[in-house]
Amino acid sequence: MNVFNIQQFKMHKKGPEKVLGNLEARIMEILWKIGEGSVRDVRENLAKKKYISFNTVMTVMNRLIGKQLLQKLRKGGVYCYKAQVTRKTFCQKISESIFRELLHDPQFFGMAGFMSAMERLDQNTLKKIENILKKRH
């Protein structure tokens, strides 16, 4: 997955838009929902909110192929696209990238700051972290 650069991280955005453009994120959400589809299928889903040209959707979908997020398949004379990773895997990879970047930058990562953030987490989230750590060891 060749999608993430820490410089592109947008803290104020939600979900995939934190690291993808608005249209890229919307296209990924559609394909995660429908499984696979043509440019026309995706465009029809997008057009429910705002008109977007066929060529724009196709260009963005081809960029997502370059980022290794989509794959293009030929089916009966029509190209179909589908996600190469699940939404869950995408989010995990982004989280890993962010954490790895922070760990390797001593100016941003201090154990005191990390522990302070951990102390403010609710019990449910702490339990999830604990379970993840238990699986690793």
N, C-alpha and C. Protein backbone atom coordinates (compact mmCIF):
# COMPACT_ATOMS: atom_id res chain seq x y z
N MET A 1 0.86 -1.18 0.00
CA MET A 1 0.00 0.00 0.00
C MET A 1 0.89 1.23 0.00
N ASN A 2 0.83 1.98 -1.04
CA ASN A 2 1.69 3.14 -1.23
C ASN A 2 0.86 4.41 -1.14
N VAL A 3 0.30 4.68 0.02
CA VAL A 3 -0.70 5.74 0.09
C VAL A 3 -0.36 6.83 1.08
N PHE A 4 0.48 6.55 2.05
CA PHE A 4 0.56 7.44 3.17
C PHE A 4 1.90 8.15 3.30
N ASN A 5 1.81 9.42 3.53
CA ASN A 5 2.96 10.26 3.83
C ASN A 5 2.54 11.11 5.01
N ILE A 6 3.31 11.10 6.08
CA ILE A 6 2.94 11.81 7.31
C ILE A 6 2.63 13.29 7.04
N GLN A 7 3.26 13.85 6.02
CA GLN A 7 3.03 15.26 5.69
C GLN A 7 1.62 15.50 5.14
N GLN A 8 0.97 14.43 4.69
CA GLN A 8 -0.38 14.55 4.13
C GLN A 8 -1.47 14.35 5.17
N PHE A 9 -1.09 14.06 6.40
CA PHE A 9 -2.08 13.75 7.43
C PHE A 9 -2.88 14.99 7.80
N LYS A 10 -4.20 14.89 7.74
CA LYS A 10 -5.09 16.01 8.04
C LYS A 10 -5.89 15.67 9.29
N MET A 11 -5.42 16.14 10.42
CA MET A 11 -5.99 15.79 11.72
C MET A 11 -7.48 16.15 11.81
N HIS A 12 -7.89 17.23 11.17
CA HIS A 12 -9.27 17.72 11.28
C HIS A 12 -10.27 16.93 10.44
N LYS A 13 -9.80 16.04 9.57
CA LYS A 13 -10.69 15.26 8.72
C LYS A 13 -11.10 13.96 9.41
N LYS A 14 -12.08 13.30 8.86
CA LYS A 14 -12.58 12.04 9.41
C LYS A 14 -12.20 10.87 8.49
N GLY A 15 -11.95 9.72 9.09
CA GLY A 15 -11.73 8.49 8.35
C GLY A 15 -10.64 8.59 7.30
N PRO A 16 -10.86 7.98 6.13
CA PRO A 16 -9.84 7.96 5.07
C PRO A 16 -9.43 9.34 4.56
N GLU A 17 -10.29 10.35 4.77
CA GLU A 17 -9.94 11.70 4.35
C GLU A 17 -8.75 12.27 5.11
N LYS A 18 -8.37 11.63 6.21
CA LYS A 18 -7.19 12.08 6.94
C LYS A 18 -5.94 11.97 6.08
N VAL A 19 -5.93 11.01 5.14
CA VAL A 19 -4.75 10.80 4.31
C VAL A 19 -5.04 10.78 2.81
N LEU A 20 -6.29 10.79 2.43
CA LEU A 20 -6.67 10.82 1.03
C LEU A 20 -7.39 12.12 0.73
N GLY A 21 -7.46 12.47 -0.54
CA GLY A 21 -8.27 13.60 -0.94
C GLY A 21 -9.74 13.28 -0.73
N ASN A 22 -10.57 14.30 -0.73
CA ASN A 22 -12.01 14.12 -0.51
C ASN A 22 -12.62 13.13 -1.50
N LEU A 23 -12.36 13.33 -2.78
CA LEU A 23 -12.95 12.45 -3.80
C LEU A 23 -12.36 11.04 -3.72
N GLU A 24 -11.06 10.94 -3.46
CA GLU A 24 -10.45 9.61 -3.30
C GLU A 24 -11.12 8.85 -2.15
N ALA A 25 -11.32 9.53 -1.04
CA ALA A 25 -11.94 8.89 0.12
C ALA A 25 -13.37 8.47 -0.18
N ARG A 26 -14.12 9.32 -0.88
CA ARG A 26 -15.50 8.98 -1.21
C ARG A 26 -15.56 7.77 -2.15
N ILE A 27 -14.65 7.72 -3.11
CA ILE A 27 -14.60 6.58 -4.03
C ILE A 27 -14.28 5.30 -3.28
N MET A 28 -13.29 5.37 -2.38
CA MET A 28 -12.94 4.18 -1.60
C MET A 28 -14.12 3.72 -0.75
N GLU A 29 -14.81 4.65 -0.13
CA GLU A 29 -15.98 4.29 0.70
C GLU A 29 -17.03 3.58 -0.14
N ILE A 30 -17.27 4.07 -1.35
CA ILE A 30 -18.26 3.45 -2.23
C ILE A 30 -17.84 2.03 -2.59
N LEU A 31 -16.58 1.87 -2.98
CA LEU A 31 -16.13 0.53 -3.39
C LEU A 31 -16.05 -0.43 -2.20
N TRP A 32 -15.73 0.07 -1.02
CA TRP A 32 -15.77 -0.81 0.16
C TRP A 32 -17.22 -1.27 0.40
N LYS A 33 -18.15 -0.39 0.10
CA LYS A 33 -19.57 -0.71 0.33
C LYS A 33 -20.13 -1.67 -0.74
N ILE A 34 -19.85 -1.39 -2.02
CA ILE A 34 -20.46 -2.19 -3.09
C ILE A 34 -19.59 -3.37 -3.54
N GLY A 35 -18.34 -3.41 -3.12
CA GLY A 35 -17.46 -4.52 -3.47
C GLY A 35 -16.63 -4.25 -4.71
N GLU A 36 -17.30 -4.08 -5.83
CA GLU A 36 -16.60 -3.71 -7.06
C GLU A 36 -17.58 -3.00 -7.97
N GLY A 37 -17.03 -2.20 -8.89
CA GLY A 37 -17.91 -1.49 -9.81
C GLY A 37 -17.12 -0.77 -10.89
N SER A 38 -17.82 -0.39 -11.92
CA SER A 38 -17.22 0.36 -13.02
C SER A 38 -17.13 1.84 -12.63
N VAL A 39 -16.48 2.60 -13.47
CA VAL A 39 -16.42 4.05 -13.25
C VAL A 39 -17.84 4.60 -13.22
N ARG A 40 -18.67 4.10 -14.12
CA ARG A 40 -20.07 4.55 -14.19
C ARG A 40 -20.81 4.25 -12.88
N ASP A 41 -20.61 3.06 -12.32
CA ASP A 41 -21.26 2.70 -11.05
C ASP A 41 -20.84 3.66 -9.94
N VAL A 42 -19.55 3.90 -9.86
CA VAL A 42 -19.03 4.78 -8.81
C VAL A 42 -19.54 6.20 -9.02
N ARG A 43 -19.51 6.65 -10.27
CA ARG A 43 -19.98 8.02 -10.58
C ARG A 43 -21.45 8.20 -10.21
N GLU A 44 -22.27 7.19 -10.49
CA GLU A 44 -23.69 7.27 -10.14
C GLU A 44 -23.88 7.41 -8.63
N ASN A 45 -23.08 6.69 -7.86
CA ASN A 45 -23.15 6.81 -6.40
C ASN A 45 -22.70 8.19 -5.94
N LEU A 46 -21.67 8.72 -6.59
CA LEU A 46 -21.17 10.05 -6.23
C LEU A 46 -22.16 11.14 -6.63
N ALA A 47 -22.81 10.95 -7.78
CA ALA A 47 -23.70 11.97 -8.33
C ALA A 47 -24.94 12.20 -7.49
N LYS A 48 -25.21 11.31 -6.54
CA LYS A 48 -26.37 11.50 -5.66
C LYS A 48 -26.21 12.76 -4.83
N LYS A 49 -24.96 13.18 -4.61
CA LYS A 49 -24.71 14.37 -3.80
C LYS A 49 -24.31 15.57 -4.65
N LYS A 50 -23.53 15.33 -5.73
CA LYS A 50 -23.01 16.44 -6.53
C LYS A 50 -22.55 15.90 -7.88
N TYR A 51 -22.75 16.67 -8.94
CA TYR A 51 -22.32 16.24 -10.27
C TYR A 51 -20.80 16.19 -10.33
N ILE A 52 -20.29 15.07 -10.82
CA ILE A 52 -18.85 14.91 -11.05
C ILE A 52 -18.71 14.22 -12.40
N SER A 53 -17.83 14.72 -13.24
CA SER A 53 -17.69 14.16 -14.59
C SER A 53 -17.10 12.75 -14.57
N PHE A 54 -17.45 12.00 -15.58
CA PHE A 54 -16.96 10.64 -15.76
C PHE A 54 -15.43 10.63 -15.78
N ASN A 55 -14.83 11.56 -16.56
CA ASN A 55 -13.37 11.61 -16.69
C ASN A 55 -12.69 11.91 -15.37
N THR A 56 -13.28 12.76 -14.55
CA THR A 56 -12.71 13.07 -13.24
C THR A 56 -12.70 11.82 -12.36
N VAL A 57 -13.81 11.11 -12.33
CA VAL A 57 -13.91 9.88 -11.52
C VAL A 57 -12.89 8.86 -12.01
N MET A 58 -12.79 8.69 -13.33
CA MET A 58 -11.85 7.71 -13.89
C MET A 58 -10.40 8.09 -13.55
N THR A 59 -10.07 9.36 -13.65
CA THR A 59 -8.71 9.82 -13.32
C THR A 59 -8.37 9.54 -11.87
N VAL A 60 -9.29 9.84 -10.97
CA VAL A 60 -9.04 9.63 -9.55
C VAL A 60 -8.94 8.13 -9.24
N MET A 61 -9.78 7.34 -9.88
CA MET A 61 -9.72 5.89 -9.66
C MET A 61 -8.38 5.32 -10.15
N ASN A 62 -7.88 5.85 -11.25
CA ASN A 62 -6.58 5.40 -11.75
C ASN A 62 -5.45 5.84 -10.81
N ARG A 63 -5.59 7.00 -10.18
CA ARG A 63 -4.61 7.42 -9.17
C ARG A 63 -4.63 6.46 -7.98
N LEU A 64 -5.81 6.00 -7.61
CA LEU A 64 -5.93 5.06 -6.50
C LEU A 64 -5.30 3.70 -6.85
N ILE A 65 -5.28 3.36 -8.12
CA ILE A 65 -4.55 2.17 -8.56
C ILE A 65 -3.06 2.39 -8.31
N GLY A 66 -2.57 3.57 -8.67
CA GLY A 66 -1.16 3.92 -8.45
C GLY A 66 -0.77 3.90 -6.98
N LYS A 67 -1.73 4.17 -6.11
CA LYS A 67 -1.49 4.13 -4.67
C LYS A 67 -1.70 2.74 -4.10
N GLN A 68 -1.95 1.79 -4.98
CA GLN A 68 -2.17 0.39 -4.63
C GLN A 68 -3.39 0.18 -3.72
N LEU A 69 -4.38 1.02 -3.90
CA LEU A 69 -5.62 0.89 -3.13
C LEU A 69 -6.72 0.23 -3.95
N LEU A 70 -6.66 0.38 -5.28
CA LEU A 70 -7.64 -0.25 -6.16
C LEU A 70 -6.94 -1.15 -7.15
N GLN A 71 -7.69 -2.12 -7.65
CA GLN A 71 -7.22 -2.91 -8.77
C GLN A 71 -8.28 -2.84 -9.86
N LYS A 72 -7.82 -2.95 -11.09
CA LYS A 72 -8.69 -2.83 -12.27
C LYS A 72 -8.81 -4.20 -12.92
N LEU A 73 -10.04 -4.64 -13.15
CA LEU A 73 -10.31 -5.94 -13.75
C LEU A 73 -11.18 -5.75 -14.98
N ARG A 74 -10.91 -6.51 -16.01
CA ARG A 74 -11.75 -6.45 -17.21
C ARG A 74 -12.83 -7.52 -17.11
N LYS A 75 -14.09 -7.08 -17.19
CA LYS A 75 -15.22 -8.01 -17.09
C LYS A 75 -16.20 -7.72 -18.23
N GLY A 76 -16.23 -8.63 -19.19
CA GLY A 76 -17.18 -8.49 -20.29
C GLY A 76 -17.07 -7.17 -21.04
N GLY A 77 -15.88 -6.74 -21.34
CA GLY A 77 -15.69 -5.51 -22.11
C GLY A 77 -15.74 -4.24 -21.28
N VAL A 78 -15.94 -4.36 -20.00
CA VAL A 78 -16.00 -3.20 -19.11
C VAL A 78 -14.94 -3.36 -18.03
N TYR A 79 -14.28 -2.26 -17.69
CA TYR A 79 -13.33 -2.31 -16.59
C TYR A 79 -14.08 -2.12 -15.27
N CYS A 80 -13.80 -3.00 -14.34
CA CYS A 80 -14.35 -2.89 -12.99
C CYS A 80 -13.19 -2.65 -12.03
N TYR A 81 -13.50 -1.98 -10.97
CA TYR A 81 -12.50 -1.65 -9.96
C TYR A 81 -12.94 -2.24 -8.64
N LYS A 82 -11.97 -2.67 -7.86
CA LYS A 82 -12.29 -3.11 -6.51
C LYS A 82 -11.12 -2.77 -5.59
N ALA A 83 -11.44 -2.62 -4.33
CA ALA A 83 -10.42 -2.27 -3.34
C ALA A 83 -9.43 -3.41 -3.17
N GLN A 84 -8.15 -3.07 -3.06
CA GLN A 84 -7.13 -4.08 -2.81
C GLN A 84 -7.01 -4.40 -1.32
N VAL A 85 -7.50 -3.50 -0.49
CA VAL A 85 -7.48 -3.71 0.96
C VAL A 85 -8.85 -3.40 1.53
N THR A 86 -9.18 -4.04 2.62
CA THR A 86 -10.44 -3.73 3.30
C THR A 86 -10.31 -2.38 4.00
N ARG A 87 -11.42 -1.82 4.37
CA ARG A 87 -11.40 -0.55 5.10
C ARG A 87 -10.64 -0.73 6.41
N LYS A 88 -10.87 -1.85 7.07
CA LYS A 88 -10.20 -2.13 8.35
C LYS A 88 -8.68 -2.19 8.17
N THR A 89 -8.23 -2.91 7.16
CA THR A 89 -6.79 -3.01 6.90
C THR A 89 -6.20 -1.66 6.55
N PHE A 90 -6.92 -0.89 5.73
CA PHE A 90 -6.47 0.46 5.37
C PHE A 90 -6.25 1.29 6.63
N CYS A 91 -7.23 1.30 7.52
CA CYS A 91 -7.12 2.10 8.75
C CYS A 91 -5.98 1.59 9.63
N GLN A 92 -5.81 0.28 9.71
CA GLN A 92 -4.71 -0.28 10.50
C GLN A 92 -3.35 0.15 9.94
N LYS A 93 -3.20 0.09 8.63
CA LYS A 93 -1.93 0.47 8.00
C LYS A 93 -1.62 1.95 8.22
N ILE A 94 -2.64 2.77 8.15
CA ILE A 94 -2.44 4.21 8.38
C ILE A 94 -2.02 4.42 9.83
N SER A 95 -2.72 3.78 10.76
CA SER A 95 -2.38 3.92 12.19
C SER A 95 -0.94 3.47 12.45
N GLU A 96 -0.57 2.34 11.85
CA GLU A 96 0.80 1.84 12.01
C GLU A 96 1.81 2.85 11.48
N SER A 97 1.53 3.42 10.32
CA SER A 97 2.44 4.39 9.72
C SER A 97 2.62 5.61 10.61
N ILE A 98 1.52 6.10 11.14
CA ILE A 98 1.59 7.28 12.02
C ILE A 98 2.40 6.97 13.27
N PHE A 99 2.09 5.85 13.89
CA PHE A 99 2.77 5.47 15.12
C PHE A 99 4.27 5.26 14.87
N ARG A 100 4.59 4.58 13.76
CA ARG A 100 5.99 4.33 13.41
C ARG A 100 6.73 5.65 13.20
N GLU A 101 6.10 6.59 12.50
CA GLU A 101 6.72 7.90 12.27
C GLU A 101 6.97 8.62 13.59
N LEU A 102 5.99 8.58 14.48
CA LEU A 102 6.15 9.25 15.77
C LEU A 102 7.25 8.61 16.62
N LEU A 103 7.32 7.30 16.59
CA LEU A 103 8.34 6.60 17.37
C LEU A 103 9.76 6.95 16.92
N HIS A 104 9.92 7.22 15.65
CA HIS A 104 11.25 7.51 15.11
C HIS A 104 11.59 8.99 15.12
N ASP A 105 10.74 9.80 15.68
CA ASP A 105 11.01 11.24 15.77
C ASP A 105 10.99 11.65 17.23
N PRO A 106 12.16 11.74 17.86
CA PRO A 106 12.22 12.02 19.29
C PRO A 106 11.63 13.38 19.68
N GLN A 107 11.53 14.30 18.75
CA GLN A 107 10.93 15.59 19.08
C GLN A 107 9.43 15.47 19.33
N PHE A 108 8.79 14.52 18.66
CA PHE A 108 7.35 14.36 18.81
C PHE A 108 6.94 13.27 19.77
N PHE A 109 7.78 12.28 19.90
CA PHE A 109 7.40 11.15 20.75
C PHE A 109 8.18 11.19 22.04
N GLY A 110 7.46 11.41 23.12
CA GLY A 110 8.06 11.31 24.43
C GLY A 110 7.19 10.38 25.24
N MET A 111 7.79 9.53 26.01
CA MET A 111 7.03 8.56 26.79
C MET A 111 6.03 9.27 27.70
N ALA A 112 6.42 10.43 28.24
CA ALA A 112 5.51 11.15 29.13
C ALA A 112 4.24 11.58 28.39
N GLY A 113 4.40 12.07 27.17
CA GLY A 113 3.25 12.47 26.37
C GLY A 113 2.38 11.29 26.01
N PHE A 114 3.03 10.18 25.68
CA PHE A 114 2.30 8.97 25.34
C PHE A 114 1.50 8.47 26.54
N MET A 115 2.14 8.43 27.70
CA MET A 115 1.46 7.96 28.91
C MET A 115 0.32 8.90 29.31
N SER A 116 0.53 10.18 29.13
CA SER A 116 -0.52 11.16 29.44
C SER A 116 -1.75 10.91 28.56
N ALA A 117 -1.51 10.65 27.28
CA ALA A 117 -2.63 10.36 26.37
C ALA A 117 -3.32 9.06 26.77
N MET A 118 -2.54 8.07 27.16
CA MET A 118 -3.11 6.78 27.58
C MET A 118 -3.98 6.94 28.82
N GLU A 119 -3.58 7.79 29.73
CA GLU A 119 -4.34 7.99 30.97
C GLU A 119 -5.73 8.57 30.70
N ARG A 120 -5.88 9.26 29.60
CA ARG A 120 -7.17 9.89 29.29
C ARG A 120 -8.11 8.98 28.50
N LEU A 121 -7.65 7.79 28.17
CA LEU A 121 -8.49 6.87 27.40
C LEU A 121 -9.54 6.21 28.30
N ASP A 122 -10.69 5.93 27.72
CA ASP A 122 -11.73 5.24 28.48
C ASP A 122 -11.37 3.77 28.65
N GLN A 123 -12.03 3.11 29.58
CA GLN A 123 -11.72 1.71 29.91
C GLN A 123 -11.91 0.77 28.72
N ASN A 124 -12.89 1.03 27.91
CA ASN A 124 -13.16 0.20 26.73
C ASN A 124 -11.97 0.22 25.77
N THR A 125 -11.45 1.41 25.50
CA THR A 125 -10.31 1.57 24.59
C THR A 125 -9.06 0.94 25.19
N LEU A 126 -8.85 1.14 26.48
CA LEU A 126 -7.70 0.53 27.15
C LEU A 126 -7.76 -0.99 27.08
N LYS A 127 -8.95 -1.54 27.23
CA LYS A 127 -9.13 -3.00 27.15
C LYS A 127 -8.77 -3.50 25.74
N LYS A 128 -9.18 -2.75 24.71
CA LYS A 128 -8.85 -3.13 23.33
C LYS A 128 -7.34 -3.13 23.12
N ILE A 129 -6.66 -2.11 23.64
CA ILE A 129 -5.20 -2.03 23.52
C ILE A 129 -4.55 -3.19 24.25
N GLU A 130 -5.05 -3.48 25.44
CA GLU A 130 -4.52 -4.59 26.23
C GLU A 130 -4.66 -5.92 25.46
N ASN A 131 -5.81 -6.13 24.84
CA ASN A 131 -6.04 -7.37 24.08
C ASN A 131 -5.11 -7.47 22.88
N ILE A 132 -4.87 -6.36 22.23
CA ILE A 132 -3.95 -6.35 21.09
C ILE A 132 -2.54 -6.72 21.55
N LEU A 133 -2.11 -6.13 22.66
CA LEU A 133 -0.78 -6.43 23.19
C LEU A 133 -0.66 -7.88 23.61
N LYS A 134 -1.71 -8.44 24.20
CA LYS A 134 -1.68 -9.85 24.61
C LYS A 134 -1.53 -10.77 23.42
N LYS A 135 -2.16 -10.44 22.29
CA LYS A 135 -2.07 -11.25 21.09
C LYS A 135 -0.65 -11.24 20.51
N ARG A 136 0.06 -10.16 20.72
CA ARG A 136 1.42 -10.02 20.18
C ARG A 136 2.44 -10.85 20.95
N HIS A 137 2.13 -11.16 22.21
CA HIS A 137 3.11 -11.89 23.04
C HIS A 137 2.60 -13.22 23.50
